[in-house]
């Protein structure tokens, strides 16, 4: 078994940003394609639709059983979930044709607030599926298991490695200060307001 990560840009994933109108629009979601099946991807791997369907069912069974499937900003090199980088939870996955689709609920964590602010500012974010499986000599994947789906920055070109959101923002003046304040006083509305204002200023400098 090996760790498998597959990146999809905002356009490839056909991401849609939604709010939960039933609860006053307070919850923010990302919905779209999380992994593409029956086609050779940029990593020269092919995920058969039946493998994705089985992995999606397993993940949904875990969610139905009360297991929280948490996702991070950017994508680490292993399958471990780093709680300090969690920004969302996967609430549902389903098949549409050969592709596995998912719905991600943005959480009120420091990284979740970062993602929320970027989305509200119009930044296009992609996704990166993280899982495990075996790959044969022709690149076909079998025994596939989805661990989670992470949020990544928009690749600058097809095949480009996604720019790490966290590191990219932290290179700008005020980035570390905004993150530190968010971590230390998550329950303070004034701090959250400062975080949003600071991030919007940083984001405006990236566009």
Protein backbone atom coordinates (compact mmCIF):
# COMPACT_ATOMS: atom_id res chain seq x y z
CA UNK A 1 0.00 0.00 0.00
CA UNK A 2 1.21 3.51 -0.76
CA UNK A 3 0.00 7.02 0.01
CA UNK A 4 -1.89 8.51 -2.94
CA UNK A 5 -2.61 12.21 -3.41
CA UNK A 6 -4.42 13.68 -6.39
CA UNK A 7 -4.83 17.42 -6.95
CA UNK A 8 -7.72 19.09 -8.75
CA UNK A 9 -7.82 22.81 -9.49
CA UNK A 10 -10.90 24.92 -8.83
CA UNK A 11 -11.97 24.54 -12.46
CA UNK A 12 -11.24 20.80 -12.63
CA UNK A 13 -13.15 20.16 -9.43
CA UNK A 14 -16.00 22.46 -10.56
CA UNK A 15 -16.13 23.78 -7.00
CA UNK A 16 -19.29 25.53 -5.82
CA UNK A 17 -19.43 27.59 -2.64
CA UNK A 18 -22.69 27.18 -0.72
CA UNK A 19 -24.23 28.39 2.53
CA UNK A 20 -26.62 26.53 4.80
CA UNK A 21 -29.79 28.56 4.27
CA UNK A 22 -31.72 26.35 6.69
CA UNK A 23 -29.54 27.71 9.51
CA UNK A 24 -29.41 31.34 8.49
CA UNK A 25 -26.57 30.90 6.03
CA UNK A 26 -23.99 30.69 8.83
CA UNK A 27 -22.30 27.51 7.61
CA UNK A 28 -20.10 27.63 4.51
CA UNK A 29 -19.54 24.62 2.24
CA UNK A 30 -17.43 23.65 -0.75
CA UNK A 31 -18.99 21.11 -3.09
CA UNK A 32 -17.60 19.49 -6.21
CA UNK A 33 -15.48 16.72 -7.72
CA UNK A 34 -12.93 15.29 -5.30
CA UNK A 35 -11.43 12.54 -7.45
CA UNK A 36 -11.79 11.68 -11.13
CA UNK A 37 -12.25 8.11 -12.32
CA UNK A 38 -11.59 6.08 -15.48
CA UNK A 39 -9.07 8.56 -16.88
CA UNK A 40 -5.30 8.94 -16.63
CA UNK A 41 -4.50 11.90 -14.40
CA UNK A 42 -1.48 14.19 -14.17
CA UNK A 43 0.28 11.66 -11.93
CA UNK A 44 -0.23 9.05 -14.69
CA UNK A 45 -2.56 7.04 -12.44
CA UNK A 46 -5.98 5.66 -13.36
CA UNK A 47 -8.64 5.21 -10.68
CA UNK A 48 -11.32 2.77 -11.91
CA UNK A 49 -14.82 4.03 -11.12
CA UNK A 50 -15.58 0.82 -9.20
CA UNK A 51 -12.60 1.47 -6.90
CA UNK A 52 -13.74 5.03 -6.22
CA UNK A 53 -17.35 3.88 -5.64
CA UNK A 54 -16.23 1.33 -3.08
CA UNK A 55 -14.01 3.88 -1.30
CA UNK A 56 -16.82 6.45 -1.29
CA UNK A 57 -19.22 3.93 0.27
CA UNK A 58 -16.69 3.07 2.98
CA UNK A 59 -16.18 6.75 3.79
CA UNK A 60 -19.93 7.40 3.93
CA UNK A 61 -20.37 4.40 6.22
CA UNK A 62 -17.78 5.91 8.56
CA UNK A 63 -19.55 9.29 8.52
CA UNK A 64 -22.92 7.63 9.17
CA UNK A 65 -21.34 5.80 12.12
CA UNK A 66 -20.36 9.10 13.73
CA UNK A 67 -16.75 9.27 12.52
CA UNK A 68 -15.56 12.82 11.73
CA UNK A 69 -13.61 12.98 8.46
CA UNK A 70 -11.43 16.07 8.91
CA UNK A 71 -9.48 17.80 6.15
CA UNK A 72 -6.58 20.23 6.19
CA UNK A 73 -5.24 23.27 4.42
CA UNK A 74 -2.65 22.01 1.92
CA UNK A 75 -1.72 18.33 1.87
CA UNK A 76 0.88 16.67 4.12
CA UNK A 77 3.16 13.85 3.03
CA UNK A 78 1.46 11.17 5.09
CA UNK A 79 -2.04 10.04 6.07
CA UNK A 80 -2.01 11.58 9.56
CA UNK A 81 -4.50 14.38 10.32
CA UNK A 82 -2.78 17.41 11.88
CA UNK A 83 -5.38 19.08 14.09
CA UNK A 84 -3.67 22.50 14.00
CA UNK A 85 -4.18 22.60 10.21
CA UNK A 86 -7.78 21.33 10.07
CA UNK A 87 -10.10 23.67 8.18
CA UNK A 88 -13.13 21.55 7.28
CA UNK A 89 -14.92 18.24 7.62
CA UNK A 90 -16.24 16.03 4.84
CA UNK A 91 -19.99 15.69 5.40
CA UNK A 92 -20.91 13.57 2.38
CA UNK A 93 -19.51 11.89 -0.72
CA UNK A 94 -21.29 10.42 -3.73
CA UNK A 95 -20.68 9.15 -7.24
CA UNK A 96 -21.66 11.05 -10.39
CA UNK A 97 -20.64 8.97 -13.38
CA UNK A 98 -17.03 7.83 -12.85
CA UNK A 99 -16.16 10.69 -10.48
CA UNK A 100 -16.32 10.90 -6.70
CA UNK A 101 -17.97 14.11 -5.49
CA UNK A 102 -17.91 15.54 -1.98
CA UNK A 103 -19.28 18.25 0.27
CA UNK A 104 -16.89 19.99 2.68
CA UNK A 105 -18.11 22.03 5.66
CA UNK A 106 -15.75 24.86 6.58
CA UNK A 107 -15.08 24.80 10.34
CA UNK A 108 -14.53 27.80 12.70
CA UNK A 109 -10.88 26.88 13.29
CA UNK A 110 -7.98 29.28 12.56
CA UNK A 111 -7.34 27.53 9.23
CA UNK A 112 -11.08 27.34 8.56
CA UNK A 113 -11.39 31.09 9.08
CA UNK A 114 -8.48 31.58 6.71
CA UNK A 115 -10.19 29.47 4.02
CA UNK A 116 -13.55 31.19 4.63
CA UNK A 117 -12.01 34.64 4.24
CA UNK A 118 -10.23 33.62 1.05
CA UNK A 119 -13.42 32.20 -0.45
CA UNK A 120 -15.38 35.34 0.46
CA UNK A 121 -12.65 37.41 -1.19
CA UNK A 122 -13.06 35.43 -4.40
CA UNK A 123 -9.92 33.29 -4.19
CA UNK A 124 -10.32 30.07 -6.19
CA UNK A 125 -9.32 27.00 -4.19
CA UNK A 126 -8.90 23.44 -5.38
CA UNK A 127 -8.95 20.10 -3.59
CA UNK A 128 -6.53 17.25 -3.03
CA UNK A 129 -7.76 13.76 -2.24
CA UNK A 130 -5.60 11.81 0.20
CA UNK A 131 -5.76 8.05 0.42
CA UNK A 132 -3.97 4.75 0.04
CA UNK A 133 -3.89 1.92 -2.47
CA UNK A 134 -1.78 -0.22 -4.76
CA UNK A 135 -0.71 0.83 -8.25
CA UNK A 136 0.05 -1.73 -10.97
CA UNK A 137 2.66 -1.45 -13.74
CA UNK A 138 0.21 0.40 -15.98
CA UNK A 139 -0.76 2.97 -13.34
CA UNK A 140 -4.14 1.45 -12.47
CA UNK A 141 -5.09 1.78 -8.79
CA UNK A 142 -6.65 -1.03 -6.76
CA UNK A 143 -7.61 -1.51 -3.09
CA UNK A 144 -8.19 2.23 -2.96
CA UNK A 145 -9.21 3.89 0.31
CA UNK A 146 -10.05 7.58 0.74
CA UNK A 147 -8.70 9.02 4.00
CA UNK A 148 -9.81 12.61 3.48
CA UNK A 149 -10.01 15.52 1.04
CA UNK A 150 -7.82 18.59 1.65
CA UNK A 151 -8.15 22.18 0.42
CA UNK A 152 -5.29 23.52 -1.71
CA UNK A 153 -4.43 26.68 -3.58
CA UNK A 154 -5.20 26.98 -7.27
CA UNK A 155 -2.30 25.53 -9.32
CA UNK A 156 -0.80 28.21 -11.58
CA UNK A 157 -0.71 25.86 -14.58
CA UNK A 158 -1.72 22.29 -15.45
CA UNK A 159 0.56 19.93 -13.57
CA UNK A 160 1.92 22.67 -11.32
CA UNK A 161 2.47 21.91 -7.66
CA UNK A 162 -0.10 23.81 -5.60
CA UNK A 163 1.28 26.82 -3.73
CA UNK A 164 0.95 26.08 0.01
CA UNK A 165 -1.70 28.49 1.32
CA UNK A 166 -0.27 28.60 4.82
CA UNK A 167 3.35 29.26 3.85
CA UNK A 168 2.42 31.67 1.06
CA UNK A 169 0.34 33.86 3.35
CA UNK A 170 2.80 33.68 6.21
CA UNK A 171 5.46 35.22 3.97
CA UNK A 172 3.46 38.45 3.98
CA UNK A 173 3.64 41.06 6.72
CA UNK A 174 0.86 40.46 9.21
CA UNK A 175 0.31 36.83 8.27
CA UNK A 176 1.88 35.30 11.35
CA UNK A 177 0.29 37.91 13.60
CA UNK A 178 -3.19 37.18 12.21
CA UNK A 179 -2.75 33.44 12.67
CA UNK A 180 -1.38 33.82 16.22
CA UNK A 181 -4.28 36.01 17.28
CA UNK A 182 -6.80 33.60 15.76
CA UNK A 183 -5.29 30.66 17.67
CA UNK A 184 -5.05 32.46 21.00
CA UNK A 185 -8.46 34.13 21.14
CA UNK A 186 -10.79 32.12 18.90
CA UNK A 187 -13.80 33.11 21.02
CA UNK A 188 -13.10 36.85 20.83
CA UNK A 189 -15.23 38.57 18.14
CA UNK A 190 -12.83 41.53 17.96
CA UNK A 191 -9.91 39.22 17.27
CA UNK A 192 -11.88 37.41 14.58
CA UNK A 193 -12.75 40.75 12.99
CA UNK A 194 -9.07 41.71 13.02
CA UNK A 195 -8.19 38.36 11.46
CA UNK A 196 -10.63 38.87 8.62
CA UNK A 197 -9.51 42.44 7.94
CA UNK A 198 -5.84 41.43 8.01
CA UNK A 199 -6.34 38.49 5.69
CA UNK A 200 -8.34 40.55 3.23
CA UNK A 201 -5.46 43.03 3.06
CA UNK A 202 -2.99 40.20 2.47
CA UNK A 203 -5.20 38.56 -0.16
CA UNK A 204 -5.66 41.85 -2.02
CA UNK A 205 -1.89 41.96 -2.37
CA UNK A 206 -1.82 38.48 -3.93
CA UNK A 207 -4.30 39.25 -6.72
